[in-house]
Amino acid sequence: MPGANESESRLLLKLIKERHAIRDYDTKRMVSDELLYQIIEAGGYAPSAENQQPWRLIIVRDRAKQRRIGEIAVDRTIELFGRITPRQELERRLDYVQAIPSRERTIDWLITGRRFEYIKGEPETDGAPILLVLAVESTHVGNSQPTLRGTGGVYGWSSYRHAVIAGSMLMENMMLAATALGLGSCVSSVQLDHFDDVREISELLGIPHPHWVPILCLAIGYAKYPRTRGPPRQTPEEITFVDKWGANWQPKRD
């Protein structure tokens, strides 16, 4: 890492590993514009193809609008996990939770939609005081030439994909910045996974859809409870191959 000493590098790696999704917020502590500015500024340093920065953020301050976005998230969660997804599949996905009572509680939060109540921003459910909505440019093609912009992909180019990738990296930057500043955050897309919901939220926030498409939301605030443990992560050996698929990497240890 150029320009960073060993302690700074270790601090950065520690920060990455300690970032966790926060879904319970201290509604008595507001997030200052100064901190929010630093978080958004850090997001803007994310890479994008040819530095086109195909993103826009909306700070949702209107409580009625935030509540509606949260209602959509809750309703879609109930539909996905309470009606469509078999319970056996939920148990399989959550088998990393060793304690059965904790696993059952997590499943209950999913099938009842309570897992996403925090998006509404209501004090009664420890809601997030800040909600950001990320929209990306749907005509972004990763090439600044006027003949290629807005074509939806030519000569094998993928357009919208570049903007989604860039927007996702912007989100990661903001989450890490929030962690560094002592704040909690949680990214969500369940309220933007359905075409009807994308259209409704675009209308609600005045997003010029379909040229700009909302793809992710980010809740930010001070965590009400400390969270020191998240789901287990796969090791580098498990997720990395050498030269071809299936040839697992066996790194040399010093």
Protein backbone atom coordinates (compact mmCIF):
# COMPACT_ATOMS: atom_id res chain seq x y z
CA MET A 1 0.00 0.00 0.00
CA PRO A 2 1.92 3.09 -1.23
CA GLY A 3 2.49 5.78 1.37
CA ALA A 4 1.18 3.71 4.29
CA ASN A 5 3.30 2.30 7.07
CA GLU A 6 2.78 -1.14 8.57
CA SER A 7 0.53 0.07 11.40
CA GLU A 8 -1.74 1.93 8.96
CA SER A 9 -1.99 -1.12 6.73
CA ARG A 10 -2.88 -3.33 9.67
CA LEU A 11 -5.48 -0.79 10.82
CA LEU A 12 -7.10 -0.81 7.38
CA LEU A 13 -7.25 -4.61 7.28
CA LYS A 14 -8.69 -4.64 10.83
CA LEU A 15 -11.32 -2.10 9.77
CA ILE A 16 -12.38 -4.23 6.80
CA LYS A 17 -12.75 -7.33 8.97
CA GLU A 18 -14.67 -5.50 11.71
CA ARG A 19 -17.31 -3.96 9.46
CA HIS A 20 -20.65 -5.61 10.18
CA ALA A 21 -24.21 -4.98 9.03
CA ILE A 22 -26.03 -2.92 11.67
CA ARG A 23 -29.84 -3.16 11.89
CA ASP A 24 -30.48 -1.58 15.30
CA TYR A 25 -29.70 2.12 15.64
CA ASP A 26 -29.56 4.62 18.49
CA THR A 27 -32.29 6.98 17.34
CA LYS A 28 -31.31 9.56 19.96
CA ARG A 29 -27.98 10.19 18.23
CA MET A 30 -28.14 12.08 14.97
CA VAL A 31 -25.49 11.88 12.27
CA SER A 32 -24.00 15.30 11.52
CA ASP A 33 -23.76 16.66 7.99
CA GLU A 34 -19.99 16.84 8.51
CA LEU A 35 -19.75 13.07 9.05
CA LEU A 36 -22.18 12.36 6.25
CA TYR A 37 -20.11 14.56 3.93
CA GLN A 38 -16.97 12.58 4.76
CA ILE A 39 -18.76 9.29 4.08
CA ILE A 40 -20.13 10.41 0.72
CA GLU A 41 -16.81 11.98 -0.22
CA ALA A 42 -15.07 8.65 0.47
CA GLY A 43 -17.64 6.94 -1.73
CA GLY A 44 -16.80 9.26 -4.59
CA TYR A 45 -13.22 8.01 -4.60
CA ALA A 46 -14.38 4.59 -5.80
CA PRO A 47 -13.09 3.60 -9.23
CA SER A 48 -15.28 3.72 -12.31
CA ALA A 49 -14.61 2.99 -15.97
CA GLU A 50 -12.80 6.00 -17.47
CA ASN A 51 -13.71 7.93 -14.31
CA GLN A 52 -17.24 8.51 -15.57
CA GLN A 53 -18.66 8.27 -12.03
CA PRO A 54 -22.11 7.08 -13.14
CA TRP A 55 -23.74 7.52 -9.75
CA ARG A 56 -26.05 9.84 -7.81
CA LEU A 57 -27.09 9.67 -4.16
CA ILE A 58 -30.32 10.87 -2.59
CA ILE A 59 -30.38 11.60 1.14
CA VAL A 60 -33.91 10.73 2.23
CA ARG A 61 -34.81 13.23 4.95
CA ASP A 62 -38.58 13.08 4.50
CA ARG A 63 -39.79 10.58 7.13
CA ALA A 64 -42.89 9.60 5.16
CA LYS A 65 -40.74 8.72 2.15
CA GLN A 66 -38.28 6.75 4.26
CA ARG A 67 -41.15 4.90 5.92
CA ARG A 68 -42.60 3.97 2.53
CA ILE A 69 -39.24 2.64 1.28
CA GLY A 70 -39.02 0.58 4.47
CA GLU A 71 -42.56 -0.73 4.00
CA ILE A 72 -41.65 -1.95 0.51
CA ALA A 73 -38.59 -3.73 1.94
CA VAL A 74 -40.67 -5.42 4.64
CA ASP A 75 -43.42 -6.46 2.22
CA ARG A 76 -40.94 -7.94 -0.27
CA THR A 77 -39.12 -9.78 2.51
CA ILE A 78 -42.38 -11.37 3.67
CA GLU A 79 -43.13 -12.36 0.08
CA LEU A 80 -39.66 -13.79 -0.57
CA PHE A 81 -38.95 -15.54 2.71
CA GLY A 82 -42.39 -15.99 4.24
CA ARG A 83 -44.16 -17.33 1.14
CA ILE A 84 -41.79 -18.29 -1.69
CA THR A 85 -38.64 -19.67 -0.05
CA PRO A 86 -39.14 -23.10 1.63
CA ARG A 87 -38.28 -23.19 5.31
CA GLN A 88 -35.73 -25.94 4.66
CA GLU A 89 -33.86 -23.54 2.40
CA LEU A 90 -33.84 -20.86 5.10
CA GLU A 91 -32.45 -23.38 7.58
CA ARG A 92 -29.78 -24.41 5.08
CA ARG A 93 -28.71 -20.80 4.48
CA LEU A 94 -28.49 -20.13 8.19
CA ASP A 95 -26.85 -23.36 9.28
CA TYR A 96 -23.75 -21.37 10.25
CA VAL A 97 -25.75 -20.10 13.27
CA GLN A 98 -24.86 -22.77 15.79
CA ALA A 99 -27.35 -21.86 18.50
CA ILE A 100 -30.78 -23.17 17.45
CA PRO A 101 -32.73 -20.41 19.33
CA SER A 102 -30.69 -17.74 17.51
CA ARG A 103 -31.27 -19.48 14.18
CA GLU A 104 -35.02 -19.70 14.81
CA ARG A 105 -35.12 -16.03 15.79
CA THR A 106 -33.31 -15.04 12.59
CA ILE A 107 -35.73 -17.11 10.49
CA ASP A 108 -38.66 -15.48 12.28
CA TRP A 109 -37.22 -12.02 11.50
CA LEU A 110 -37.05 -12.99 7.84
CA ILE A 111 -40.49 -14.52 7.37
CA THR A 112 -42.18 -11.66 9.26
CA GLY A 113 -40.13 -8.94 7.54
CA ARG A 114 -38.83 -7.55 10.83
CA ARG A 115 -35.27 -7.91 9.56
CA PHE A 116 -35.82 -4.76 7.47
CA GLU A 117 -37.93 -2.68 9.85
CA TYR A 118 -34.88 -0.52 10.51
CA ILE A 119 -35.14 0.99 7.02
CA LYS A 120 -38.35 2.81 8.03
CA GLY A 121 -36.33 4.98 10.40
CA GLU A 122 -38.87 4.77 13.22
CA PRO A 123 -37.67 5.06 16.84
CA GLU A 124 -39.99 2.24 17.95
CA THR A 125 -38.00 -0.27 15.89
CA ASP A 126 -34.53 1.31 16.34
CA GLY A 127 -34.68 2.66 12.80
CA ALA A 128 -31.80 4.19 10.88
CA PRO A 129 -31.65 8.00 11.11
CA ILE A 130 -30.05 8.29 7.67
CA LEU A 131 -31.11 6.52 4.49
CA LEU A 132 -29.23 6.99 1.23
CA VAL A 133 -30.55 5.76 -2.11
CA LEU A 134 -28.02 5.06 -4.86
CA ALA A 135 -29.02 5.48 -8.50
CA VAL A 136 -26.75 4.65 -11.44
CA GLU A 137 -26.81 5.75 -15.05
CA SER A 138 -28.37 3.01 -17.17
CA THR A 139 -26.74 4.19 -20.42
CA HIS A 140 -23.21 4.01 -19.03
CA VAL A 141 -21.07 1.88 -21.36
CA GLY A 142 -17.62 2.28 -19.87
CA ASN A 143 -16.44 4.34 -22.85
CA SER A 144 -16.41 8.11 -23.16
CA GLN A 145 -16.65 8.22 -26.95
CA PRO A 146 -19.85 10.03 -27.97
CA THR A 147 -20.55 7.39 -30.62
CA LEU A 148 -20.76 4.70 -27.96
CA ARG A 149 -22.47 6.46 -25.03
CA GLY A 150 -26.09 5.63 -24.62
CA THR A 151 -26.21 2.83 -27.16
CA GLY A 152 -26.98 0.14 -24.62
CA GLY A 153 -23.95 -1.84 -25.66
CA VAL A 154 -22.29 -2.25 -29.06
CA TYR A 155 -19.62 -4.61 -30.40
CA GLY A 156 -20.05 -6.83 -27.36
CA TRP A 157 -19.83 -4.03 -24.79
CA SER A 158 -21.92 -4.37 -21.64
CA SER A 159 -23.41 -1.06 -20.60
CA TYR A 160 -25.49 -1.08 -17.41
CA ARG A 161 -23.14 -3.63 -15.84
CA HIS A 162 -20.30 -1.09 -15.61
CA ALA A 163 -22.47 1.37 -13.70
CA VAL A 164 -23.70 -1.28 -11.27
CA ILE A 165 -20.12 -2.38 -10.56
CA ALA A 166 -18.99 1.21 -10.00
CA GLY A 167 -21.97 1.98 -7.77
CA SER A 168 -21.31 -1.13 -5.68
CA MET A 169 -17.70 -0.05 -5.09
CA LEU A 170 -18.94 3.40 -4.07
CA MET A 171 -21.19 1.73 -1.51
CA GLU A 172 -18.32 -0.34 -0.10
CA ASN A 173 -16.21 2.80 0.29
CA MET A 174 -19.01 4.51 2.19
CA MET A 175 -19.58 1.55 4.52
CA LEU A 176 -15.88 1.38 5.38
CA ALA A 177 -15.78 5.15 5.92
CA ALA A 178 -18.78 4.91 8.24
CA THR A 179 -17.04 2.18 10.24
CA ALA A 180 -13.87 4.26 10.48
CA LEU A 181 -15.93 7.19 11.82
CA GLY A 182 -17.57 5.08 14.52
CA LEU A 183 -20.89 4.64 12.72
CA GLY A 184 -22.84 1.58 11.71
CA SER A 185 -24.32 0.92 8.28
CA CYS A 186 -26.24 -1.67 6.31
CA VAL A 187 -26.72 -1.93 2.55
CA SER A 188 -29.97 -3.37 1.18
CA SER A 189 -31.55 -4.08 -2.19
CA VAL A 190 -34.69 -6.07 -1.35
CA GLN A 191 -36.82 -2.95 -1.86
CA LEU A 192 -35.30 -2.49 -5.33
CA ASP A 193 -35.23 -6.05 -6.64
CA HIS A 194 -38.69 -5.89 -8.24
CA PHE A 195 -39.45 -3.77 -11.32
CA ASP A 196 -42.62 -2.36 -9.70
CA ASP A 197 -40.69 -1.23 -6.64
CA VAL A 198 -37.97 0.40 -8.76
CA ARG A 199 -40.63 2.43 -10.55
CA GLU A 200 -42.41 3.40 -7.34
CA ILE A 201 -39.27 4.53 -5.54
CA SER A 202 -38.13 6.40 -8.66
CA GLU A 203 -41.43 8.31 -8.68
CA LEU A 204 -41.30 8.84 -4.92
CA LEU A 205 -37.84 10.44 -5.11
CA GLY A 206 -38.14 12.08 -8.53
CA ILE A 207 -35.44 9.88 -10.08
CA PRO A 208 -35.55 10.22 -13.89
CA HIS A 209 -36.09 6.52 -14.54
CA PRO A 210 -35.19 4.63 -16.72
CA HIS A 211 -32.15 6.78 -17.60
CA TRP A 212 -31.20 6.61 -13.90
CA VAL A 213 -32.00 3.46 -11.95
CA PRO A 214 -32.03 3.11 -8.13
CA ILE A 215 -30.18 -0.09 -7.23
CA LEU A 216 -29.16 0.05 -3.55
CA CYS A 217 -29.99 1.71 -0.24
CA LEU A 218 -27.60 2.43 2.61
CA ALA A 219 -28.73 2.95 6.19
CA ILE A 220 -26.33 4.90 8.42
CA GLY A 221 -26.37 5.71 12.12
CA TYR A 222 -24.87 4.94 15.51
CA ALA A 223 -25.27 1.30 16.47
CA LYS A 224 -27.55 0.75 19.46
CA TYR A 225 -25.83 -2.51 20.34
CA PRO A 226 -22.24 -3.59 19.69
CA ARG A 227 -21.87 -6.33 17.12
CA THR A 228 -18.58 -8.13 17.28
CA ARG A 229 -19.39 -11.33 15.42
CA GLY A 230 -20.69 -11.86 11.92
CA PRO A 231 -21.24 -14.91 9.75
CA PRO A 232 -18.08 -16.92 8.99
CA ARG A 233 -16.12 -16.06 5.87
CA GLN A 234 -14.61 -18.49 3.42
CA THR A 235 -10.83 -18.61 3.45
CA PRO A 236 -8.68 -17.48 0.49
CA GLU A 237 -7.82 -21.14 -0.14
CA GLU A 238 -11.53 -21.97 -0.51
CA ILE A 239 -12.38 -19.23 -2.99
CA THR A 240 -9.21 -19.01 -5.10
CA PHE A 241 -8.01 -21.18 -7.96
CA VAL A 242 -4.73 -21.14 -9.91
CA ASP A 243 -4.82 -21.13 -13.73
CA LYS A 244 -8.10 -23.06 -13.96
CA TRP A 245 -11.33 -23.65 -12.08
CA GLY A 246 -11.01 -26.22 -9.34
CA ALA A 247 -7.24 -25.96 -8.90
CA ASN A 248 -7.30 -24.59 -5.38
CA TRP A 249 -4.60 -22.13 -4.40
CA GLN A 250 -2.22 -23.30 -1.69
CA PRO A 251 -0.39 -20.14 -0.58
CA LYS A 252 3.11 -20.40 0.78
CA ARG A 253 3.42 -19.40 4.40
CA ASP A 254 6.41 -17.39 5.66
